[in-house]
Amino acid sequence: MSFKVKKAKREKIFVKLALMAPSGGGKTYSSLRIATGMVEELKKQGKDEVKILLANTEQKRGYYYANEFDYDIVDIEAPHHPEKYVDLINFAVEEGYDILILDSSSHEWEGKGGCLELHAQAGGTYQAWAKVTPRHNKFIEAIADSPIHIIATMRGKDQYEMEKDANSGKTNIKKLGVGAKQREGFEYEFTCTFLLDQKTNMADVQKDNTHLFEHEGSVLLSEAHGKKLIQWANSGEGYTPPVRKNIQEQEKQEKTEEDRLKNAKKAISDLINELTGGGIDKKVIAEKIKANFTNKGKPSANFNAISDVDTAKKVYKALKELEVK
């Protein structure tokens, strides 16, 4: 295998941002503030029309802030299978949206028709994940590969702790968000991941590939964060599309080629049976194949060793000449 080495250079990046919080943590509102800041910075950098699309799975919650922010909305109903979210991402790209808010991506995992339900329908065993995981991975790949900025909210795994007020001495119950209601490790697929506090809505960065926020401590996410992210994302020299889709297309093509070769060989086999049944000597058939096929540099009558469709077609055509009229 050969490897192509080149000088590393900073390229333009499409930001993938994750916001995790328990219910009431401010995920939707914070997403819209960040997205609005992204819009302002993109316009400042010379882009004429910049659009936000909010994919709403949270009943009417996505409409709460329509009087405060400028965005389009699409309601995502059950079933929440992974393919629906892949189609949604592709739709946003095709329709020219610059920023997509997935509110929330937890439904793809734990919602009706989501991965957990698909796993249960497949038998609920460890082996059943072999049917579900590839579908979920395509959702992850769609997020990572898409030429669009994506903000994905995730419901936090609710956990509670008791804390005593230093002044009053009263004991209060505090709701925590511990991780996300998504597949384990899903939050680490993103450029930046923030965990929002349910009571204060303050955010702590959990992962930051940009290095913009790792020393900020707890912050209230705002338009300023969106502007910083775009400034960082567009500081590169250009954008090279991910190669994964090209690889998938190649694999698809190879599969098709493999099927064609298999069918061509079967046609040769059927024709040979027809020829021998019509009285054509097997030696004559073998010589005809040898005249049109070489294997490892030598004429060969073993048509099963043919590795390309064109050669198979050539052999088939030559054998047709022997067909009894």
C-alpha atoms as a PDB file:
ATOM      1  CA  MET A   1       0.000   0.000   0.000  1.00  0.00           C
ATOM      2  CA  SER A   2       1.321   3.454  -0.913  1.00  0.00           C
ATOM      3  CA  PHE A   3       0.875   6.550   1.210  1.00  0.00           C
ATOM      4  CA  LYS A   4       0.723  10.124  -0.018  1.00  0.00           C
ATOM      5  CA  VAL A   5       2.379  12.573   2.371  1.00  0.00           C
ATOM      6  CA  LYS A   6       1.667  16.292   2.133  1.00  0.00           C
ATOM      7  CA  LYS A   7       2.235  19.399   4.188  1.00  0.00           C
ATOM      8  CA  ALA A   8      -0.522  19.893   6.726  1.00  0.00           C
ATOM      9  CA  LYS A   9      -2.508  23.085   6.301  1.00  0.00           C
ATOM     10  CA  ARG A  10      -5.437  24.651   8.089  1.00  0.00           C
ATOM     11  CA  GLU A  11      -8.661  24.330   6.094  1.00  0.00           C
ATOM     12  CA  LYS A  12     -12.119  25.793   6.377  1.00  0.00           C
ATOM     13  CA  ILE A  13     -14.269  23.790   8.783  1.00  0.00           C
ATOM     14  CA  PHE A  14     -17.991  23.336   9.238  1.00  0.00           C
ATOM     15  CA  VAL A  15     -18.590  23.475  12.960  1.00  0.00           C
ATOM     16  CA  LYS A  16     -20.440  20.634  14.690  1.00  0.00           C
ATOM     17  CA  LEU A  17     -21.626  21.778  18.110  1.00  0.00           C
ATOM     18  CA  ALA A  18     -23.364  19.740  20.826  1.00  0.00           C
ATOM     19  CA  LEU A  19     -25.368  21.150  23.745  1.00  0.00           C
ATOM     20  CA  MET A  20     -26.342  18.778  26.543  1.00  0.00           C
ATOM     21  CA  ALA A  21     -28.671  19.644  29.412  1.00  0.00           C
ATOM     22  CA  PRO A  22     -31.474  18.229  31.526  1.00  0.00           C
ATOM     23  CA  SER A  23     -34.965  19.569  30.869  1.00  0.00           C
ATOM     24  CA  GLY A  24     -35.048  23.340  31.395  1.00  0.00           C
ATOM     25  CA  GLY A  25     -31.336  23.759  30.788  1.00  0.00           C
ATOM     26  CA  GLY A  26     -31.800  26.223  27.925  1.00  0.00           C
ATOM     27  CA  LYS A  27     -30.651  24.061  25.019  1.00  0.00           C
ATOM     28  CA  THR A  28     -33.025  25.470  22.386  1.00  0.00           C
ATOM     29  CA  TYR A  29     -32.595  29.103  23.374  1.00  0.00           C
ATOM     30  CA  SER A  30     -28.813  28.823  23.606  1.00  0.00           C
ATOM     31  CA  SER A  31     -28.689  27.109  20.199  1.00  0.00           C
ATOM     32  CA  LEU A  32     -30.629  29.954  18.605  1.00  0.00           C
ATOM     33  CA  ARG A  33     -28.371  32.565  20.195  1.00  0.00           C
ATOM     34  CA  ILE A  34     -25.243  30.803  18.930  1.00  0.00           C
ATOM     35  CA  ALA A  35     -26.757  30.282  15.463  1.00  0.00           C
ATOM     36  CA  THR A  36     -27.746  33.960  15.288  1.00  0.00           C
ATOM     37  CA  GLY A  37     -24.184  34.966  16.106  1.00  0.00           C
ATOM     38  CA  MET A  38     -22.975  32.666  13.331  1.00  0.00           C
ATOM     39  CA  VAL A  39     -25.333  34.393  10.898  1.00  0.00           C
ATOM     40  CA  GLU A  40     -24.076  37.838  11.894  1.00  0.00           C
ATOM     41  CA  GLU A  41     -20.445  36.835  11.436  1.00  0.00           C
ATOM     42  CA  LEU A  42     -21.074  35.087   8.095  1.00  0.00           C
ATOM     43  CA  LYS A  43     -22.795  38.223   6.798  1.00  0.00           C
ATOM     44  CA  LYS A  44     -19.945  40.343   8.100  1.00  0.00           C
ATOM     45  CA  GLN A  45     -17.553  38.147   6.130  1.00  0.00           C
ATOM     46  CA  GLY A  46     -19.500  38.833   2.940  1.00  0.00           C
ATOM     47  CA  LYS A  47     -22.132  36.105   2.636  1.00  0.00           C
ATOM     48  CA  ASP A  48     -25.352  37.696   1.392  1.00  0.00           C
ATOM     49  CA  GLU A  49     -28.088  35.304   2.479  1.00  0.00           C
ATOM     50  CA  VAL A  50     -27.629  33.170   5.579  1.00  0.00           C
ATOM     51  CA  LYS A  51     -30.373  30.847   6.775  1.00  0.00           C
ATOM     52  CA  ILE A  52     -31.036  28.846   9.933  1.00  0.00           C
ATOM     53  CA  LEU A  53     -33.199  25.721   9.958  1.00  0.00           C
ATOM     54  CA  LEU A  54     -34.408  24.346  13.285  1.00  0.00           C
ATOM     55  CA  ALA A  55     -35.494  20.701  13.199  1.00  0.00           C
ATOM     56  CA  ASN A  56     -38.057  20.518  15.980  1.00  0.00           C
ATOM     57  CA  THR A  57     -38.760  17.249  17.801  1.00  0.00           C
ATOM     58  CA  GLU A  58     -39.811  18.909  21.072  1.00  0.00           C
ATOM     59  CA  GLN A  59     -43.518  19.462  20.326  1.00  0.00           C
ATOM     60  CA  LYS A  60     -44.136  23.248  20.220  1.00  0.00           C
ATOM     61  CA  ARG A  61     -40.926  24.251  21.987  1.00  0.00           C
ATOM     62  CA  GLY A  62     -39.198  25.119  18.747  1.00  0.00           C
ATOM     63  CA  TYR A  63     -41.751  27.880  18.158  1.00  0.00           C
ATOM     64  CA  TYR A  64     -41.315  29.594  21.541  1.00  0.00           C
ATOM     65  CA  TYR A  65     -38.621  31.994  20.360  1.00  0.00           C
ATOM     66  CA  ALA A  66     -39.894  32.888  16.883  1.00  0.00           C
ATOM     67  CA  ASN A  67     -40.438  36.486  18.025  1.00  0.00           C
ATOM     68  CA  GLU A  68     -36.808  36.792  19.153  1.00  0.00           C
ATOM     69  CA  PHE A  69     -34.851  35.094  16.366  1.00  0.00           C
ATOM     70  CA  ASP A  70     -35.048  34.745  12.584  1.00  0.00           C
ATOM     71  CA  TYR A  71     -35.178  31.067  11.592  1.00  0.00           C
ATOM     72  CA  ASP A  72     -37.129  28.481   9.610  1.00  0.00           C
ATOM     73  CA  ILE A  73     -38.536  25.412  11.311  1.00  0.00           C
ATOM     74  CA  VAL A  74     -39.466  21.876  10.317  1.00  0.00           C
ATOM     75  CA  ASP A  75     -41.319  19.494  12.643  1.00  0.00           C
ATOM     76  CA  ILE A  76     -39.864  15.994  12.904  1.00  0.00           C
ATOM     77  CA  GLU A  77     -42.460  13.414  13.858  1.00  0.00           C
ATOM     78  CA  ALA A  78     -42.076   9.761  14.858  1.00  0.00           C
ATOM     79  CA  PRO A  79     -40.753   7.332  13.867  1.00  0.00           C
ATOM     80  CA  HIS A  80     -37.352   8.778  14.653  1.00  0.00           C
ATOM     81  CA  HIS A  81     -35.269   6.226  12.788  1.00  0.00           C
ATOM     82  CA  PRO A  82     -31.692   7.251  11.830  1.00  0.00           C
ATOM     83  CA  GLU A  83     -32.429   7.472   8.101  1.00  0.00           C
ATOM     84  CA  LYS A  84     -34.929  10.265   8.711  1.00  0.00           C
ATOM     85  CA  TYR A  85     -32.202  12.386  10.284  1.00  0.00           C
ATOM     86  CA  VAL A  86     -29.761  11.593   7.480  1.00  0.00           C
ATOM     87  CA  ASP A  87     -32.409  12.715   4.982  1.00  0.00           C
ATOM     88  CA  LEU A  88     -33.009  15.850   7.050  1.00  0.00           C
ATOM     89  CA  ILE A  89     -29.326  16.820   6.986  1.00  0.00           C
ATOM     90  CA  ASN A  90     -29.151  16.237   3.234  1.00  0.00           C
ATOM     91  CA  PHE A  91     -32.331  18.281   2.784  1.00  0.00           C
ATOM     92  CA  ALA A  92     -30.872  21.213   4.736  1.00  0.00           C
ATOM     93  CA  VAL A  93     -27.758  21.169   2.558  1.00  0.00           C
ATOM     94  CA  GLU A  94     -29.722  20.913  -0.688  1.00  0.00           C
ATOM     95  CA  GLU A  95     -32.033  23.772   0.323  1.00  0.00           C
ATOM     96  CA  GLY A  96     -29.088  26.070   0.985  1.00  0.00           C
ATOM     97  CA  TYR A  97     -29.288  26.379   4.762  1.00  0.00           C
ATOM     98  CA  ASP A  98     -26.061  27.437   6.425  1.00  0.00           C
ATOM     99  CA  ILE A  99     -26.910  26.326   9.969  1.00  0.00           C
ATOM    100  CA  LEU A 100     -29.002  23.358  11.083  1.00  0.00           C
ATOM    101  CA  ILE A 101     -30.188  22.947  14.663  1.00  0.00           C
ATOM    102  CA  LEU A 102     -31.168  19.371  15.582  1.00  0.00           C
ATOM    103  CA  ASP A 103     -33.427  19.895  18.575  1.00  0.00           C
ATOM    104  CA  SER A 104     -33.098  17.295  19.841  1.00  0.00           C
ATOM    105  CA  SER A 105     -30.880  14.537  18.504  1.00  0.00           C
ATOM    106  CA  SER A 106     -31.799  12.350  21.485  1.00  0.00           C
ATOM    107  CA  HIS A 107     -34.940  11.242  19.675  1.00  0.00           C
ATOM    108  CA  GLU A 108     -32.847   9.415  17.062  1.00  0.00           C
ATOM    109  CA  TRP A 109     -31.577   7.259  19.920  1.00  0.00           C
ATOM    110  CA  GLU A 110     -34.363   6.916  22.487  1.00  0.00           C
ATOM    111  CA  GLY A 111     -37.457   8.257  20.692  1.00  0.00           C
ATOM    112  CA  LYS A 112     -40.273   6.243  19.164  1.00  0.00           C
ATOM    113  CA  GLY A 113     -38.751   4.403  16.218  1.00  0.00           C
ATOM    114  CA  GLY A 114     -35.255   5.371  17.370  1.00  0.00           C
ATOM    115  CA  CYS A 115     -32.254   3.094  17.775  1.00  0.00           C
ATOM    116  CA  LEU A 116     -33.225   1.651  21.171  1.00  0.00           C
ATOM    117  CA  GLU A 117     -36.630   0.646  19.849  1.00  0.00           C
ATOM    118  CA  LEU A 118     -35.095  -0.718  16.653  1.00  0.00           C
ATOM    119  CA  HIS A 119     -32.738  -2.802  18.790  1.00  0.00           C
ATOM    120  CA  ALA A 120     -35.641  -4.182  20.813  1.00  0.00           C
ATOM    121  CA  GLN A 121     -37.536  -5.035  17.630  1.00  0.00           C
ATOM    122  CA  ALA A 122     -34.462  -6.876  16.337  1.00  0.00           C
ATOM    123  CA  GLY A 123     -34.502  -9.138  19.385  1.00  0.00           C
ATOM    124  CA  GLY A 124     -32.866  -7.007  22.060  1.00  0.00           C
ATOM    125  CA  THR A 125     -29.733  -9.140  22.132  1.00  0.00           C
ATOM    126  CA  TYR A 126     -26.130  -8.071  21.857  1.00  0.00           C
ATOM    127  CA  GLN A 127     -26.071  -9.539  18.351  1.00  0.00           C
ATOM    128  CA  ALA A 128     -29.060  -7.361  17.414  1.00  0.00           C
ATOM    129  CA  TRP A 129     -26.825  -4.292  17.547  1.00  0.00           C
ATOM    130  CA  ALA A 130     -25.219  -5.528  14.320  1.00  0.00           C
ATOM    131  CA  LYS A 131     -28.422  -4.454  12.558  1.00  0.00           C
ATOM    132  CA  VAL A 132     -28.826  -1.128  14.357  1.00  0.00           C
ATOM    133  CA  THR A 133     -25.278   0.192  14.764  1.00  0.00           C
ATOM    134  CA  PRO A 134     -24.580   0.654  11.026  1.00  0.00           C
ATOM    135  CA  ARG A 135     -27.778   2.714  10.737  1.00  0.00           C
ATOM    136  CA  HIS A 136     -26.778   4.897  13.683  1.00  0.00           C
ATOM    137  CA  ASN A 137     -23.253   5.288  12.307  1.00  0.00           C
ATOM    138  CA  LYS A 138     -24.653   6.671   9.046  1.00  0.00           C
ATOM    139  CA  PHE A 139     -26.343   9.393  11.113  1.00  0.00           C
ATOM    140  CA  ILE A 140     -23.012  10.234  12.767  1.00  0.00           C
ATOM    141  CA  GLU A 141     -21.285  10.281   9.380  1.00  0.00           C
ATOM    142  CA  ALA A 142     -23.974  12.545   7.935  1.00  0.00           C
ATOM    143  CA  ILE A 143     -23.332  15.072  10.701  1.00  0.00           C
ATOM    144  CA  ALA A 144     -19.549  14.884  10.354  1.00  0.00           C
ATOM    145  CA  ASP A 145     -19.435  14.969   6.547  1.00  0.00           C
ATOM    146  CA  SER A 146     -22.089  17.595   5.821  1.00  0.00           C
ATOM    147  CA  PRO A 147     -20.921  20.980   4.434  1.00  0.00           C
ATOM    148  CA  ILE A 148     -23.099  22.856   6.896  1.00  0.00           C
ATOM    149  CA  HIS A 149     -22.795  24.101  10.483  1.00  0.00           C
ATOM    150  CA  ILE A 150     -24.780  21.839  12.827  1.00  0.00           C
ATOM    151  CA  ILE A 151     -25.866  22.425  16.407  1.00  0.00           C
ATOM    152  CA  ALA A 152     -27.258  19.266  17.999  1.00  0.00           C
ATOM    153  CA  THR A 153     -28.999  19.416  21.342  1.00  0.00           C
ATOM    154  CA  MET A 154     -29.161  16.349  23.564  1.00  0.00           C
ATOM    155  CA  ARG A 155     -31.282  15.671  26.590  1.00  0.00           C
ATOM    156  CA  GLY A 156     -29.146  15.131  29.646  1.00  0.00           C
ATOM    157  CA  LYS A 157     -29.368  11.994  31.726  1.00  0.00           C
ATOM    158  CA  ASP A 158     -31.155  13.402  34.729  1.00  0.00           C
ATOM    159  CA  GLN A 159     -29.554  12.875  38.113  1.00  0.00           C
ATOM    160  CA  TYR A 160     -30.336  14.552  41.404  1.00  0.00           C
ATOM    161  CA  GLU A 161     -28.252  15.515  44.397  1.00  0.00           C
ATOM    162  CA  MET A 162     -29.021  17.121  47.733  1.00  0.00           C
ATOM    163  CA  GLU A 163     -27.218  20.325  48.662  1.00  0.00           C
ATOM    164  CA  LYS A 164     -27.432  22.509  51.749  1.00  0.00           C
ATOM    165  CA  ASP A 165     -27.781  26.277  51.411  1.00  0.00           C
ATOM    166  CA  ALA A 166     -24.881  27.900  53.280  1.00  0.00           C
ATOM    167  CA  ASN A 167     -27.005  30.866  54.402  1.00  0.00           C
ATOM    168  CA  SER A 168     -30.380  29.376  55.259  1.00  0.00           C
ATOM    169  CA  GLY A 169     -29.255  25.903  56.168  1.00  0.00           C
ATOM    170  CA  LYS A 170     -32.061  24.444  54.099  1.00  0.00           C
ATOM    171  CA  THR A 171     -31.501  21.341  52.030  1.00  0.00           C
ATOM    172  CA  ASN A 172     -32.357  21.682  48.328  1.00  0.00           C
ATOM    173  CA  ILE A 173     -32.635  19.159  45.523  1.00  0.00           C
ATOM    174  CA  LYS A 174     -30.449  19.987  42.540  1.00  0.00           C
ATOM    175  CA  LYS A 175     -31.096  18.469  39.113  1.00  0.00           C
ATOM    176  CA  LEU A 176     -27.955  17.503  37.230  1.00  0.00           C
ATOM    177  CA  GLY A 177     -27.301  16.532  33.633  1.00  0.00           C
ATOM    178  CA  VAL A 178     -24.877  13.627  33.516  1.00  0.00           C
ATOM    179  CA  GLY A 179     -23.919  12.767  29.972  1.00  0.00           C
ATOM    180  CA  ALA A 180     -26.447  12.688  27.145  1.00  0.00           C
ATOM    181  CA  LYS A 181     -29.431  10.592  26.208  1.00  0.00           C
ATOM    182  CA  GLN A 182     -27.658   9.290  23.158  1.00  0.00           C
ATOM    183  CA  ARG A 183     -25.300   6.446  22.448  1.00  0.00           C
ATOM    184  CA  GLU A 184     -22.297   6.376  24.751  1.00  0.00           C
ATOM    185  CA  GLY A 185     -19.577   8.666  23.412  1.00  0.00           C
ATOM    186  CA  PHE A 186     -21.834  10.369  20.834  1.00  0.00           C
ATOM    187  CA  GLU A 187     -21.034  13.798  22.272  1.00  0.00           C
ATOM    188  CA  TYR A 188     -17.351  13.354  21.421  1.00  0.00           C
ATOM    189  CA  GLU A 189     -18.111  13.301  17.678  1.00  0.00           C
ATOM    190  CA  PHE A 190     -18.483  17.095  17.753  1.00  0.00           C
ATOM    191  CA  THR A 191     -16.117  20.035  17.376  1.00  0.00           C
ATOM    192  CA  CYS A 192     -17.299  21.444  20.709  1.00  0.00           C
ATOM    193  CA  THR A 193     -19.553  20.009  23.381  1.00  0.00           C
ATOM    194  CA  PHE A 194     -21.149  22.031  26.184  1.00  0.00           C
ATOM    195  CA  LEU A 195     -22.997  20.857  29.288  1.00  0.00           C
ATOM    196  CA  LEU A 196     -25.623  23.337  30.511  1.00  0.00           C
ATOM    197  CA  ASP A 197     -26.768  23.653  34.116  1.00  0.00           C
ATOM    198  CA  GLN A 198     -30.500  23.210  34.616  1.00  0.00           C
ATOM    199  CA  LYS A 199     -30.905  25.979  37.167  1.00  0.00           C
ATOM    200  CA  THR A 200     -28.531  28.691  35.905  1.00  0.00           C
ATOM    201  CA  ASN A 201     -28.310  27.755  32.181  1.00  0.00           C
ATOM    202  CA  MET A 202     -24.561  28.322  32.484  1.00  0.00           C
ATOM    203  CA  ALA A 203     -22.461  26.141  30.197  1.00  0.00           C
ATOM    204  CA  ASP A 204     -19.228  24.271  30.840  1.00  0.00           C
ATOM    205  CA  VAL A 205     -17.245  23.040  27.861  1.00  0.00           C
ATOM    206  CA  GLN A 206     -16.712  19.257  27.867  1.00  0.00           C
ATOM    207  CA  LYS A 207     -14.739  19.075  24.639  1.00  0.00           C
ATOM    208  CA  ASP A 208     -13.200  21.896  22.626  1.00  0.00           C
ATOM    209  CA  ASN A 209     -11.183  21.253  19.474  1.00  0.00           C
ATOM    210  CA  THR A 210     -11.171  25.000  18.789  1.00  0.00           C
ATOM    211  CA  HIS A 211      -9.387  25.899  22.065  1.00  0.00           C
ATOM    212  CA  LEU A 212     -11.607  28.991  22.150  1.00  0.00           C
ATOM    213  CA  PHE A 213     -13.546  28.172  25.301  1.00  0.00           C
ATOM    214  CA  GLU A 214     -11.470  25.690  27.278  1.00  0.00           C
ATOM    215  CA  HIS A 215     -10.320  28.315  29.810  1.00  0.00           C
ATOM    216  CA  GLU A 216     -13.577  30.307  30.100  1.00  0.00           C
ATOM    217  CA  GLY A 217     -15.149  28.337  32.920  1.00  0.00           C
ATOM    218  CA  SER A 218     -18.936  28.517  33.250  1.00  0.00           C
ATOM    219  CA  VAL A 219     -20.444  30.889  30.684  1.00  0.00           C
ATOM    220  CA  LEU A 220     -23.846  31.914  29.395  1.00  0.00           C
ATOM    221  CA  LEU A 221     -23.793  30.962  25.730  1.00  0.00           C
ATOM    222  CA  SER A 222     -24.585  33.872  23.436  1.00  0.00           C
ATOM    223  CA  GLU A 223     -24.252  35.311  19.948  1.00  0.00           C
ATOM    224  CA  ALA A 224     -20.628  36.115  20.756  1.00  0.00           C
ATOM    225  CA  HIS A 225     -19.829  32.404  20.899  1.00  0.00           C
ATOM    226  CA  GLY A 226     -21.363  31.879  17.463  1.00  0.00           C
ATOM    227  CA  LYS A 227     -19.258  34.713  16.039  1.00  0.00           C
ATOM    228  CA  LYS A 228     -16.068  33.265  17.524  1.00  0.00           C
ATOM    229  CA  LEU A 229     -16.838  29.836  16.102  1.00  0.00           C
ATOM    230  CA  ILE A 230     -17.300  31.198  12.565  1.00  0.00           C
ATOM    231  CA  GLN A 231     -14.134  33.276  12.805  1.00  0.00           C
ATOM    232  CA  TRP A 232     -12.240  30.154  13.815  1.00  0.00           C
ATOM    233  CA  ALA A 233     -13.968  27.896  11.251  1.00  0.00           C
ATOM    234  CA  ASN A 234     -13.320  30.230   8.308  1.00  0.00           C
ATOM    235  CA  SER A 235      -9.716  30.999   9.152  1.00  0.00           C
ATOM    236  CA  GLY A 236      -8.508  28.186   6.881  1.00  0.00           C
ATOM    237  CA  GLU A 237      -7.440  28.285   3.227  1.00  0.00           C
ATOM    238  CA  GLY A 238     -10.294  26.267   1.737  1.00  0.00           C
ATOM    239  CA  TYR A 239     -12.455  23.215   2.201  1.00  0.00           C
ATOM    240  CA  THR A 240     -11.751  19.641   1.112  1.00  0.00           C
ATOM    241  CA  PRO A 241     -14.877  17.444   1.148  1.00  0.00           C
ATOM    242  CA  PRO A 242     -14.553  14.324   3.318  1.00  0.00           C
ATOM    243  CA  VAL A 243     -13.500  11.216   1.403  1.00  0.00           C
ATOM    244  CA  ARG A 244     -15.840   8.860   3.244  1.00  0.00           C
ATOM    245  CA  LYS A 245     -18.734   9.431   0.838  1.00  0.00           C
ATOM    246  CA  ASN A 246     -16.428   8.800  -2.101  1.00  0.00           C
ATOM    247  CA  ILE A 247     -15.347   5.547  -0.490  1.00  0.00           C
ATOM    248  CA  GLN A 248     -18.955   4.546   0.073  1.00  0.00           C
ATOM    249  CA  GLU A 249     -19.781   5.303  -3.542  1.00  0.00           C
ATOM    250  CA  GLN A 250     -16.770   3.273  -4.641  1.00  0.00           C
ATOM    251  CA  GLU A 251     -17.865   0.350  -2.473  1.00  0.00           C
ATOM    252  CA  LYS A 252     -21.337   0.595  -3.968  1.00  0.00           C
ATOM    253  CA  GLN A 253     -19.853   0.592  -7.461  1.00  0.00           C
ATOM    254  CA  GLU A 254     -17.608  -2.336  -6.614  1.00  0.00           C
ATOM    255  CA  LYS A 255     -20.590  -4.277  -5.333  1.00  0.00           C
ATOM    256  CA  THR A 256     -22.441  -3.572  -8.560  1.00  0.00           C
ATOM    257  CA  GLU A 257     -19.390  -4.649 -10.598  1.00  0.00           C
ATOM    258  CA  GLU A 258     -19.133  -7.804  -8.525  1.00  0.00           C
ATOM    259  CA  ASP A 259     -22.786  -8.603  -9.218  1.00  0.00           C
ATOM    260  CA  ARG A 260     -22.287  -8.008 -12.940  1.00  0.00           C
ATOM    261  CA  LEU A 261     -19.267 -10.314 -13.018  1.00  0.00           C
ATOM    262  CA  LYS A 262     -21.158 -12.989 -11.122  1.00  0.00           C
ATOM    263  CA  ASN A 263     -24.062 -12.770 -13.571  1.00  0.00           C
ATOM    264  CA  ALA A 264     -21.681 -12.836 -16.562  1.00  0.00           C
ATOM    265  CA  LYS A 265     -19.982 -15.991 -15.303  1.00  0.00           C
ATOM    266  CA  LYS A 266     -23.352 -17.639 -14.761  1.00  0.00           C
ATOM    267  CA  ALA A 267     -24.301 -16.757 -18.351  1.00  0.00           C
ATOM    268  CA  ILE A 268     -21.072 -18.417 -19.564  1.00  0.00           C
ATOM    269  CA  SER A 269     -21.803 -21.517 -17.492  1.00  0.00           C
ATOM    270  CA  ASP A 270     -25.371 -21.739 -18.807  1.00  0.00           C
ATOM    271  CA  LEU A 271     -24.145 -21.305 -22.378  1.00  0.00           C
ATOM    272  CA  ILE A 272     -21.509 -24.045 -21.970  1.00  0.00           C
ATOM    273  CA  ASN A 273     -24.226 -26.434 -20.726  1.00  0.00           C
ATOM    274  CA  GLU A 274     -26.316 -25.505 -23.737  1.00  0.00           C
ATOM    275  CA  LEU A 275     -23.404 -26.050 -26.138  1.00  0.00           C
ATOM    276  CA  THR A 276     -22.421 -29.430 -24.722  1.00  0.00           C
ATOM    277  CA  GLY A 277     -26.042 -30.470 -24.746  1.00  0.00           C
ATOM    278  CA  GLY A 278     -26.115 -29.557 -28.438  1.00  0.00           C
ATOM    279  CA  GLY A 279     -23.193 -31.825 -29.203  1.00  0.00           C
ATOM    280  CA  ILE A 280     -20.274 -29.355 -29.099  1.00  0.00           C
ATOM    281  CA  ASP A 281     -17.104 -31.043 -27.853  1.00  0.00           C
ATOM    282  CA  LYS A 282     -15.818 -29.800 -24.486  1.00  0.00           C
ATOM    283  CA  LYS A 283     -12.296 -29.522 -25.931  1.00  0.00           C
ATOM    284  CA  VAL A 284     -13.560 -27.108 -28.596  1.00  0.00           C
ATOM    285  CA  ILE A 285     -15.259 -25.027 -25.913  1.00  0.00           C
ATOM    286  CA  ALA A 286     -12.083 -25.016 -23.801  1.00  0.00           C
ATOM    287  CA  GLU A 287      -9.948 -23.881 -26.752  1.00  0.00           C
ATOM    288  CA  LYS A 288     -12.402 -21.063 -27.461  1.00  0.00           C
ATOM    289  CA  ILE A 289     -12.166 -19.847 -23.880  1.00  0.00           C
ATOM    290  CA  LYS A 290      -8.353 -20.089 -23.926  1.00  0.00           C
ATOM    291  CA  ALA A 291      -8.251 -17.970 -27.088  1.00  0.00           C
ATOM    292  CA  ASN A 292     -10.012 -15.159 -25.258  1.00  0.00           C
ATOM    293  CA  PHE A 293      -8.784 -15.426 -21.665  1.00  0.00           C
ATOM    294  CA  THR A 294      -5.370 -15.542 -20.044  1.00  0.00           C
ATOM    295  CA  ASN A 295      -4.754 -16.139 -16.369  1.00  0.00           C
ATOM    296  CA  LYS A 296      -1.364 -15.169 -14.942  1.00  0.00           C
ATOM    297  CA  GLY A 297      -0.034 -14.726 -18.457  1.00  0.00           C
ATOM    298  CA  LYS A 298      -1.161 -18.126 -19.739  1.00  0.00           C
ATOM    299  CA  PRO A 299      -4.240 -19.111 -21.801  1.00  0.00           C
ATOM    300  CA  SER A 300      -6.833 -20.606 -19.487  1.00  0.00           C
ATOM    301  CA  ALA A 301     -10.119 -22.439 -19.910  1.00  0.00           C
ATOM    302  CA  ASN A 302     -11.096 -21.771 -16.277  1.00  0.00           C
ATOM    303  CA  PHE A 303     -13.665 -19.023 -16.848  1.00  0.00           C
ATOM    304  CA  ASN A 304     -14.384 -18.890 -13.102  1.00  0.00           C
ATOM    305  CA  ALA A 305     -10.979 -17.195 -12.719  1.00  0.00           C
ATOM    306  CA  ILE A 306     -12.097 -14.231 -14.853  1.00  0.00           C
ATOM    307  CA  SER A 307     -11.871 -11.079 -12.739  1.00  0.00           C
ATOM    308  CA  ASP A 308     -13.474  -8.414 -14.934  1.00  0.00           C
ATOM    309  CA  VAL A 309     -16.795  -8.043 -16.716  1.00  0.00           C
ATOM    310  CA  ASP A 310     -15.288  -7.046 -20.086  1.00  0.00           C
ATOM    311  CA  THR A 311     -13.307 -10.276 -20.360  1.00  0.00           C
ATOM    312  CA  ALA A 312     -16.338 -12.298 -19.319  1.00  0.00           C
ATOM    313  CA  LYS A 313     -18.395 -10.627 -22.048  1.00  0.00           C
ATOM    314  CA  LYS A 314     -15.630 -11.324 -24.571  1.00  0.00           C
ATOM    315  CA  VAL A 315     -15.575 -15.032 -23.671  1.00  0.00           C
ATOM    316  CA  TYR A 316     -19.362 -15.260 -23.792  1.00  0.00           C
ATOM    317  CA  LYS A 317     -19.466 -13.629 -27.228  1.00  0.00           C
ATOM    318  CA  ALA A 318     -16.811 -16.036 -28.536  1.00  0.00           C
ATOM    319  CA  LEU A 319     -18.710 -19.049 -27.219  1.00  0.00           C
ATOM    320  CA  LYS A 320     -21.909 -17.813 -28.850  1.00  0.00           C
ATOM    321  CA  GLU A 321     -20.157 -18.317 -32.180  1.00  0.00           C
ATOM    322  CA  LEU A 322     -20.179 -22.061 -31.443  1.00  0.00           C
ATOM    323  CA  GLU A 323     -23.888 -22.115 -30.827  1.00  0.00           C
ATOM    324  CA  VAL A 324     -25.730 -24.694 -32.926  1.00  0.00           C
ATOM    325  CA  LYS A 325     -27.826 -22.984 -35.546  1.00  0.00           C
END
